[in-house]
N, C-alpha and C. Protein backbone atom coordinates (compact mmCIF):
# COMPACT_ATOMS: atom_id res chain seq x y z
N MET A 1 1.52 9.40 14.11
CA MET A 1 2.27 8.52 13.24
C MET A 1 1.88 8.82 11.79
N THR A 2 2.85 8.86 10.90
CA THR A 2 2.61 9.22 9.51
C THR A 2 1.97 8.06 8.74
N ILE A 3 1.43 8.37 7.57
CA ILE A 3 0.85 7.36 6.71
C ILE A 3 1.90 6.31 6.32
N ASP A 4 3.14 6.73 6.07
CA ASP A 4 4.18 5.78 5.69
C ASP A 4 4.50 4.82 6.83
N ALA A 5 4.58 5.33 8.05
CA ALA A 5 4.85 4.47 9.20
C ALA A 5 3.70 3.50 9.44
N LEU A 6 2.46 3.98 9.31
CA LEU A 6 1.31 3.11 9.48
C LEU A 6 1.24 2.05 8.38
N LEU A 7 1.57 2.42 7.15
CA LEU A 7 1.58 1.44 6.06
C LEU A 7 2.61 0.35 6.34
N PHE A 8 3.79 0.73 6.81
CA PHE A 8 4.80 -0.27 7.11
C PHE A 8 4.31 -1.21 8.21
N LEU A 9 3.76 -0.66 9.29
CA LEU A 9 3.26 -1.49 10.39
C LEU A 9 2.14 -2.42 9.93
N THR A 10 1.35 -1.98 8.96
CA THR A 10 0.23 -2.77 8.46
C THR A 10 0.68 -3.86 7.49
N LEU A 11 1.61 -3.53 6.61
CA LEU A 11 1.97 -4.44 5.52
C LEU A 11 3.18 -5.34 5.81
N ALA A 12 4.12 -4.88 6.60
CA ALA A 12 5.35 -5.64 6.84
C ALA A 12 5.10 -7.04 7.41
N PRO A 13 4.15 -7.23 8.33
CA PRO A 13 3.93 -8.58 8.85
C PRO A 13 3.44 -9.59 7.81
N LEU A 14 3.02 -9.13 6.65
CA LEU A 14 2.50 -10.02 5.61
C LEU A 14 3.58 -10.72 4.80
N VAL A 15 4.83 -10.22 4.90
CA VAL A 15 5.92 -10.77 4.10
C VAL A 15 7.13 -11.07 4.98
N ALA A 16 7.87 -12.11 4.64
CA ALA A 16 9.07 -12.48 5.39
C ALA A 16 10.06 -11.33 5.38
N GLY A 17 10.72 -11.13 6.50
CA GLY A 17 11.73 -10.09 6.59
C GLY A 17 11.17 -8.69 6.56
N ASP A 18 9.87 -8.53 6.85
CA ASP A 18 9.23 -7.21 6.83
C ASP A 18 9.47 -6.50 5.50
N ALA A 19 9.37 -7.23 4.40
CA ALA A 19 9.69 -6.71 3.07
C ALA A 19 8.55 -5.86 2.50
N ALA A 20 8.31 -4.73 3.16
CA ALA A 20 7.33 -3.74 2.69
C ALA A 20 8.06 -2.40 2.59
N TYR A 21 8.05 -1.80 1.41
CA TYR A 21 8.90 -0.65 1.15
C TYR A 21 8.11 0.52 0.57
N PRO A 22 8.48 1.75 0.96
CA PRO A 22 7.89 2.92 0.31
C PRO A 22 8.57 3.17 -1.05
N ASP A 23 7.79 3.48 -2.04
CA ASP A 23 8.24 3.95 -3.35
C ASP A 23 8.89 2.90 -4.25
N GLN A 24 9.93 2.22 -3.80
CA GLN A 24 10.57 1.21 -4.64
C GLN A 24 11.27 0.19 -3.75
N VAL A 25 11.48 -0.98 -4.31
CA VAL A 25 12.13 -2.06 -3.58
C VAL A 25 13.64 -1.95 -3.77
N PRO A 26 14.42 -2.19 -2.72
CA PRO A 26 15.88 -2.19 -2.89
C PRO A 26 16.32 -3.28 -3.88
N GLU A 27 17.40 -3.05 -4.57
CA GLU A 27 17.92 -4.03 -5.53
C GLU A 27 18.20 -5.36 -4.86
N ASN A 28 17.96 -6.43 -5.60
CA ASN A 28 18.24 -7.80 -5.17
C ASN A 28 17.40 -8.26 -3.98
N THR A 29 16.25 -7.62 -3.76
CA THR A 29 15.35 -8.07 -2.71
C THR A 29 14.60 -9.29 -3.24
N PRO A 30 14.62 -10.40 -2.50
CA PRO A 30 13.89 -11.58 -2.97
C PRO A 30 12.38 -11.40 -2.81
N ALA A 31 11.64 -11.96 -3.74
CA ALA A 31 10.18 -11.94 -3.65
C ALA A 31 9.75 -13.04 -2.67
N PRO A 32 8.61 -12.88 -2.04
CA PRO A 32 7.62 -11.81 -2.25
C PRO A 32 7.97 -10.55 -1.46
N TYR A 33 7.44 -9.43 -1.96
CA TYR A 33 7.58 -8.16 -1.26
C TYR A 33 6.43 -7.25 -1.67
N ILE A 34 6.29 -6.17 -0.89
CA ILE A 34 5.22 -5.19 -1.12
C ILE A 34 5.86 -3.81 -1.27
N VAL A 35 5.37 -3.06 -2.24
CA VAL A 35 5.80 -1.68 -2.42
C VAL A 35 4.56 -0.79 -2.32
N HIS A 36 4.64 0.24 -1.49
CA HIS A 36 3.52 1.17 -1.37
C HIS A 36 3.97 2.58 -1.69
N GLN A 37 3.04 3.35 -2.25
CA GLN A 37 3.38 4.69 -2.69
C GLN A 37 2.15 5.58 -2.58
N GLN A 38 2.35 6.78 -2.04
CA GLN A 38 1.25 7.74 -2.04
C GLN A 38 1.22 8.37 -3.42
N VAL A 39 0.06 8.25 -4.09
CA VAL A 39 -0.06 8.72 -5.47
C VAL A 39 -1.09 9.85 -5.60
N GLY A 40 -1.40 10.49 -4.50
CA GLY A 40 -2.33 11.61 -4.54
C GLY A 40 -3.15 11.68 -3.27
N GLY A 41 -4.27 12.30 -3.39
CA GLY A 41 -5.17 12.50 -2.25
C GLY A 41 -6.04 13.71 -2.52
N GLN A 42 -6.85 14.03 -1.56
CA GLN A 42 -7.75 15.17 -1.68
C GLN A 42 -7.30 16.25 -0.71
N GLY A 43 -7.00 17.44 -1.23
CA GLY A 43 -6.61 18.54 -0.36
C GLY A 43 -7.80 19.05 0.44
N LEU A 44 -7.53 19.43 1.68
CA LEU A 44 -8.59 19.91 2.55
C LEU A 44 -8.01 20.91 3.53
N MET A 45 -8.72 22.05 3.69
CA MET A 45 -8.32 23.05 4.65
C MET A 45 -9.59 23.64 5.24
N TRP A 46 -9.61 23.85 6.55
CA TRP A 46 -10.78 24.45 7.19
C TRP A 46 -10.92 25.90 6.77
N THR A 47 -12.13 26.44 6.86
CA THR A 47 -12.40 27.80 6.39
C THR A 47 -11.57 28.85 7.13
N GLU A 48 -11.17 28.58 8.37
CA GLU A 48 -10.32 29.55 9.08
C GLU A 48 -8.85 29.42 8.70
N GLY A 49 -8.54 28.58 7.72
CA GLY A 49 -7.18 28.47 7.19
C GLY A 49 -6.30 27.46 7.90
N THR A 50 -6.86 26.63 8.75
CA THR A 50 -6.06 25.61 9.43
C THR A 50 -6.24 24.26 8.73
N LEU A 51 -5.33 23.39 9.00
CA LEU A 51 -5.38 22.05 8.42
C LEU A 51 -6.02 21.08 9.41
N PRO A 52 -6.77 20.11 8.91
CA PRO A 52 -7.38 19.12 9.81
C PRO A 52 -6.31 18.18 10.37
N GLU A 53 -6.67 17.42 11.40
CA GLU A 53 -5.75 16.47 12.02
C GLU A 53 -5.43 15.30 11.08
N ASN A 54 -6.38 14.94 10.21
CA ASN A 54 -6.19 13.85 9.27
C ASN A 54 -6.05 14.38 7.86
N GLU A 55 -5.39 13.60 7.01
CA GLU A 55 -5.25 13.99 5.61
C GLU A 55 -5.72 12.85 4.71
N SER A 56 -6.15 13.23 3.53
CA SER A 56 -6.60 12.26 2.53
C SER A 56 -5.41 11.81 1.72
N CYS A 57 -5.22 10.50 1.65
CA CYS A 57 -4.11 9.94 0.89
C CYS A 57 -4.64 8.90 -0.08
N ARG A 58 -4.23 9.01 -1.31
CA ARG A 58 -4.48 7.93 -2.27
C ARG A 58 -3.20 7.12 -2.31
N VAL A 59 -3.32 5.85 -1.95
CA VAL A 59 -2.15 4.99 -1.81
C VAL A 59 -2.27 3.82 -2.78
N GLN A 60 -1.18 3.53 -3.47
CA GLN A 60 -1.14 2.36 -4.33
C GLN A 60 -0.24 1.31 -3.66
N VAL A 61 -0.77 0.10 -3.56
CA VAL A 61 -0.03 -1.01 -2.96
C VAL A 61 0.21 -2.05 -4.05
N ALA A 62 1.47 -2.37 -4.27
CA ALA A 62 1.85 -3.36 -5.28
C ALA A 62 2.51 -4.55 -4.59
N CYS A 63 1.96 -5.73 -4.82
CA CYS A 63 2.48 -6.97 -4.23
C CYS A 63 3.15 -7.77 -5.34
N TRP A 64 4.37 -8.23 -5.08
CA TRP A 64 5.14 -8.95 -6.09
C TRP A 64 5.54 -10.33 -5.56
N ALA A 65 5.45 -11.32 -6.43
CA ALA A 65 5.77 -12.70 -6.06
C ALA A 65 6.18 -13.48 -7.31
N ALA A 66 6.61 -14.71 -7.09
CA ALA A 66 7.08 -15.55 -8.20
C ALA A 66 5.94 -16.05 -9.08
N THR A 67 4.75 -16.23 -8.50
CA THR A 67 3.63 -16.75 -9.29
C THR A 67 2.43 -15.82 -9.18
N ARG A 68 1.50 -15.97 -10.14
CA ARG A 68 0.28 -15.18 -10.12
C ARG A 68 -0.52 -15.45 -8.85
N ASP A 69 -0.67 -16.73 -8.48
CA ASP A 69 -1.44 -17.06 -7.28
C ASP A 69 -0.83 -16.44 -6.02
N GLU A 70 0.49 -16.48 -5.91
CA GLU A 70 1.15 -15.89 -4.73
C GLU A 70 0.93 -14.38 -4.69
N ALA A 71 1.06 -13.72 -5.83
CA ALA A 71 0.87 -12.28 -5.88
C ALA A 71 -0.57 -11.91 -5.53
N THR A 72 -1.53 -12.65 -6.05
CA THR A 72 -2.94 -12.39 -5.77
C THR A 72 -3.26 -12.63 -4.30
N ASP A 73 -2.77 -13.73 -3.75
CA ASP A 73 -3.01 -14.02 -2.33
C ASP A 73 -2.42 -12.95 -1.43
N LEU A 74 -1.22 -12.48 -1.76
CA LEU A 74 -0.58 -11.43 -0.97
C LEU A 74 -1.38 -10.13 -1.08
N ALA A 75 -1.86 -9.81 -2.28
CA ALA A 75 -2.66 -8.59 -2.47
C ALA A 75 -3.97 -8.66 -1.70
N LYS A 76 -4.58 -9.83 -1.67
CA LYS A 76 -5.81 -10.00 -0.88
C LYS A 76 -5.54 -9.79 0.60
N ALA A 77 -4.43 -10.33 1.08
CA ALA A 77 -4.07 -10.16 2.49
C ALA A 77 -3.77 -8.69 2.80
N ALA A 78 -3.12 -7.99 1.86
CA ALA A 78 -2.85 -6.57 2.05
C ALA A 78 -4.14 -5.77 2.12
N GLU A 79 -5.10 -6.10 1.26
CA GLU A 79 -6.39 -5.41 1.28
C GLU A 79 -7.09 -5.59 2.63
N VAL A 80 -7.13 -6.82 3.11
CA VAL A 80 -7.77 -7.10 4.41
C VAL A 80 -7.07 -6.32 5.53
N ALA A 81 -5.73 -6.33 5.53
CA ALA A 81 -4.97 -5.63 6.57
C ALA A 81 -5.20 -4.12 6.53
N ILE A 82 -5.23 -3.55 5.33
CA ILE A 82 -5.44 -2.10 5.20
C ILE A 82 -6.84 -1.72 5.68
N LEU A 83 -7.84 -2.49 5.30
CA LEU A 83 -9.21 -2.15 5.69
C LEU A 83 -9.45 -2.38 7.18
N ALA A 84 -8.67 -3.26 7.81
CA ALA A 84 -8.84 -3.55 9.23
C ALA A 84 -8.02 -2.64 10.14
N GLN A 85 -7.08 -1.89 9.60
CA GLN A 85 -6.20 -1.03 10.40
C GLN A 85 -7.02 -0.01 11.17
N ALA A 86 -6.85 0.00 12.49
CA ALA A 86 -7.62 0.92 13.35
C ALA A 86 -7.09 2.34 13.34
N GLY A 87 -5.88 2.56 12.82
CA GLY A 87 -5.27 3.88 12.85
C GLY A 87 -5.73 4.84 11.77
N TRP A 88 -6.64 4.40 10.91
CA TRP A 88 -7.12 5.25 9.82
C TRP A 88 -8.46 4.76 9.33
N GLN A 89 -9.01 5.48 8.36
CA GLN A 89 -10.23 5.07 7.67
C GLN A 89 -9.85 4.83 6.21
N ALA A 90 -10.13 3.61 5.71
CA ALA A 90 -9.69 3.26 4.36
C ALA A 90 -10.81 2.63 3.56
N GLU A 91 -10.73 2.81 2.24
CA GLU A 91 -11.63 2.13 1.33
C GLU A 91 -10.89 1.86 0.02
N PRO A 92 -11.16 0.72 -0.62
CA PRO A 92 -10.51 0.43 -1.90
C PRO A 92 -11.08 1.32 -3.00
N LEU A 93 -10.23 1.69 -3.91
CA LEU A 93 -10.64 2.48 -5.09
C LEU A 93 -10.56 1.56 -6.30
N GLY A 94 -11.48 0.63 -6.37
CA GLY A 94 -11.48 -0.33 -7.47
C GLY A 94 -10.83 -1.63 -7.04
N GLY A 95 -10.80 -2.57 -7.97
CA GLY A 95 -10.23 -3.88 -7.70
C GLY A 95 -8.75 -3.94 -7.99
N ARG A 96 -8.20 -5.11 -7.80
CA ARG A 96 -6.78 -5.34 -8.06
C ARG A 96 -6.50 -5.38 -9.56
N THR A 97 -5.29 -4.95 -9.93
CA THR A 97 -4.82 -5.02 -11.30
C THR A 97 -3.60 -5.92 -11.35
N SER A 98 -3.62 -6.90 -12.23
CA SER A 98 -2.47 -7.80 -12.38
C SER A 98 -1.44 -7.18 -13.29
N THR A 99 -0.18 -7.49 -13.03
CA THR A 99 0.90 -6.99 -13.86
C THR A 99 2.03 -8.01 -13.88
N TYR A 100 2.98 -7.80 -14.77
CA TYR A 100 4.12 -8.69 -14.94
C TYR A 100 5.35 -7.84 -15.21
N ASP A 101 6.47 -8.19 -14.58
CA ASP A 101 7.73 -7.48 -14.82
C ASP A 101 8.65 -8.39 -15.64
N PRO A 102 8.83 -8.10 -16.94
CA PRO A 102 9.66 -8.97 -17.78
C PRO A 102 11.13 -8.99 -17.37
N ASP A 103 11.61 -7.95 -16.69
CA ASP A 103 13.02 -7.92 -16.28
C ASP A 103 13.30 -8.92 -15.15
N THR A 104 12.34 -9.08 -14.24
CA THR A 104 12.54 -9.97 -13.09
C THR A 104 11.77 -11.28 -13.22
N GLY A 105 10.78 -11.31 -14.11
CA GLY A 105 9.92 -12.48 -14.24
C GLY A 105 8.88 -12.58 -13.13
N LEU A 106 8.75 -11.52 -12.33
CA LEU A 106 7.80 -11.55 -11.21
C LEU A 106 6.40 -11.15 -11.65
N ARG A 107 5.44 -11.68 -10.94
CA ARG A 107 4.02 -11.33 -11.14
C ARG A 107 3.64 -10.33 -10.08
N GLY A 108 2.81 -9.38 -10.46
CA GLY A 108 2.39 -8.36 -9.51
C GLY A 108 0.89 -8.21 -9.46
N SER A 109 0.43 -7.65 -8.37
CA SER A 109 -0.97 -7.30 -8.21
C SER A 109 -1.01 -5.99 -7.44
N ARG A 110 -1.65 -4.98 -8.02
CA ARG A 110 -1.67 -3.67 -7.35
C ARG A 110 -3.11 -3.19 -7.19
N GLN A 111 -3.29 -2.36 -6.16
CA GLN A 111 -4.61 -1.82 -5.87
C GLN A 111 -4.44 -0.47 -5.21
N ASP A 112 -5.37 0.45 -5.52
CA ASP A 112 -5.36 1.78 -4.92
C ASP A 112 -6.37 1.84 -3.79
N PHE A 113 -6.05 2.64 -2.79
CA PHE A 113 -6.91 2.85 -1.63
C PHE A 113 -7.01 4.34 -1.32
N SER A 114 -8.15 4.75 -0.84
CA SER A 114 -8.31 6.08 -0.26
C SER A 114 -8.20 5.89 1.25
N ILE A 115 -7.26 6.58 1.85
CA ILE A 115 -7.01 6.45 3.29
C ILE A 115 -6.99 7.82 3.92
N TRP A 116 -7.81 7.99 4.97
CA TRP A 116 -7.76 9.19 5.80
C TRP A 116 -6.93 8.82 7.01
N ALA A 117 -5.75 9.42 7.12
CA ALA A 117 -4.78 9.05 8.17
C ALA A 117 -4.30 10.30 8.90
N PRO A 118 -3.70 10.10 10.08
CA PRO A 118 -3.16 11.24 10.81
C PRO A 118 -2.13 12.00 9.95
N ARG A 119 -2.20 13.31 10.06
CA ARG A 119 -1.29 14.18 9.30
C ARG A 119 0.08 14.02 9.81
């Protein structure tokens, strides 16, 4: 199972309507929702030129809601779910960062994770 499929399975239960999306949220999606994006990782190849079964992924998870408290609570739940997922090895890369979208009036909270997941 890919990192994107595992992220959906991990994050979708946290929001009504399974509102967890890769890369960007569809237009007119009501908050709260989660957007996840792979923003890098560490390349790795064995000395004989083969690739390992797992890959390093740097993933950014952004949680959006109507209020700061809702966004923070959702981000905390996302962190717990990501760290508890048995399908990979994950660790946070720093704390949450708060943000605001003036176009929608939504509050956001995002956090990066290092995840070793099946290739």
